[in-house]
Amino acid sequence: MNIYHLTSVKEWQAAKAAGVYRAPSLETEGFIHCSTREQVVDSAQNHFAGRADLVLLCIQSGVLVSALRLEGERHWPHIYGPLNLEAVERVVEFPIGADGVFHLPSGI
């Protein structure tokens, strides 16, 4: 199962330098927020409106070292611990559209 996480280019570059990704929510909430393919655009609109510096991490859940739980009514994927970079299958630019709305990149 693939899951997805939105982050800034700067945060992703820092993760590559550190060898592991730790979203700010890992410290404040105890987990890294992720999305299913169907949830990505809603998540972007609700939490990153207007941002033009985003990338989408495409994560292979079976390669995760930390625990993955599907939680809430919509079964949001949450990673309980740092994200090991080996689980990131690819990184895709996630630009905001000319209409001010996010759209799922082709091939996702």
Protein backbone atom coordinates (compact mmCIF):
# COMPACT_ATOMS: atom_id res chain seq x y z
CA MET A 1 0.00 0.00 0.00
CA ASN A 2 1.32 3.43 -0.92
CA ILE A 3 0.71 6.40 1.34
CA TYR A 4 1.64 10.03 0.80
CA HIS A 5 3.03 12.92 2.81
CA LEU A 6 3.24 16.59 1.88
CA THR A 7 6.24 18.59 3.02
CA SER A 8 8.29 21.56 1.94
CA VAL A 9 11.30 21.27 -0.34
CA LYS A 10 13.42 22.69 2.52
CA GLU A 11 12.21 20.07 5.03
CA TRP A 12 12.82 17.26 2.51
CA GLN A 13 16.36 18.49 1.83
CA ALA A 14 17.03 18.58 5.58
CA ALA A 15 15.74 15.00 5.89
CA LYS A 16 18.06 13.79 3.14
CA ALA A 17 20.99 15.44 4.89
CA ALA A 18 20.00 13.89 8.24
CA GLY A 19 19.23 10.44 6.80
CA VAL A 20 15.73 10.37 8.31
CA TYR A 21 12.56 12.47 8.07
CA ARG A 22 10.89 13.89 11.16
CA ALA A 23 7.84 16.05 10.50
CA PRO A 24 7.12 18.76 13.09
CA SER A 25 3.97 16.82 14.04
CA LEU A 26 6.12 13.94 15.26
CA GLU A 27 7.23 16.13 18.16
CA THR A 28 3.91 17.86 18.79
CA GLU A 29 1.46 15.00 18.16
CA GLY A 30 3.58 11.85 18.24
CA PHE A 31 3.09 10.86 14.61
CA ILE A 32 3.57 11.96 10.99
CA HIS A 33 0.36 12.81 9.15
CA CYS A 34 -0.04 11.02 5.81
CA SER A 35 -2.77 10.56 3.23
CA THR A 36 -4.10 7.93 0.92
CA ARG A 37 -4.15 8.79 -2.78
CA GLU A 38 -7.78 9.87 -2.44
CA GLN A 39 -7.00 12.16 0.53
CA VAL A 40 -3.93 14.03 -0.81
CA VAL A 41 -5.71 16.95 -2.48
CA ASP A 42 -8.06 17.52 0.48
CA SER A 43 -5.08 17.51 2.83
CA ALA A 44 -3.19 19.98 0.64
CA GLN A 45 -6.18 22.33 0.42
CA ASN A 46 -6.91 22.19 4.15
CA HIS A 47 -3.36 22.46 5.50
CA PHE A 48 -1.19 24.04 2.79
CA ALA A 49 -3.46 26.51 0.96
CA GLY A 50 -1.44 28.96 -1.11
CA ARG A 51 1.90 27.22 -0.59
CA ALA A 52 4.12 26.87 -3.64
CA ASP A 53 7.08 25.05 -2.04
CA LEU A 54 5.64 21.55 -1.60
CA VAL A 55 6.73 18.08 -2.60
CA LEU A 56 4.76 14.87 -2.26
CA LEU A 57 6.57 11.93 -0.69
CA CYS A 58 5.33 8.64 -2.16
CA ILE A 59 5.85 6.10 0.62
CA GLN A 60 5.82 2.31 0.43
CA SER A 61 4.12 1.34 3.68
CA GLY A 62 5.64 -2.15 3.66
CA VAL A 63 9.15 -0.68 3.91
CA LEU A 64 8.39 1.53 6.93
CA VAL A 65 10.42 0.87 10.06
CA SER A 66 8.01 2.84 12.29
CA ALA A 67 4.46 1.70 12.98
CA LEU A 68 1.67 2.71 10.60
CA ARG A 69 -1.88 3.10 11.87
CA LEU A 70 -5.05 4.04 9.97
CA GLU A 71 -7.05 6.29 12.24
CA GLY A 72 -10.24 8.28 12.40
CA GLU A 73 -13.43 8.01 10.42
CA ARG A 74 -11.59 8.46 7.11
CA HIS A 75 -8.75 6.05 8.05
CA TRP A 76 -5.95 8.63 7.80
CA PRO A 77 -2.51 6.95 7.71
CA HIS A 78 -0.27 8.02 10.60
CA ILE A 79 3.38 7.00 11.00
CA TYR A 80 4.30 6.62 14.67
CA GLY A 81 7.99 7.42 14.54
CA PRO A 82 10.51 8.82 12.10
CA LEU A 83 10.19 8.08 8.39
CA ASN A 84 13.10 5.99 7.11
CA LEU A 85 14.15 7.36 3.74
CA GLU A 86 14.26 3.89 2.16
CA ALA A 87 10.47 3.82 2.37
CA VAL A 88 10.19 6.89 0.13
CA GLU A 89 9.72 5.45 -3.35
CA ARG A 90 9.79 8.83 -5.09
CA VAL A 91 9.40 12.53 -4.50
CA VAL A 92 7.07 14.52 -6.77
CA GLU A 93 6.74 18.29 -7.08
CA PHE A 94 3.32 19.38 -5.83
CA PRO A 95 2.68 22.85 -7.26
CA ILE A 96 -0.47 24.83 -6.72
CA GLY A 97 -2.49 25.27 -9.90
CA ALA A 98 -2.98 28.59 -11.69
CA ASP A 99 -6.52 28.47 -10.31
CA GLY A 100 -5.15 28.48 -6.73
CA VAL A 101 -6.19 24.87 -6.19
CA PHE A 102 -4.03 21.79 -5.78
CA HIS A 103 -4.42 18.91 -8.23
CA LEU A 104 -3.03 15.40 -7.97
CA PRO A 105 0.09 15.15 -10.15
CA SER A 106 -0.17 12.78 -13.08
CA GLY A 107 1.14 9.30 -12.45
CA ILE A 108 0.17 9.22 -8.77
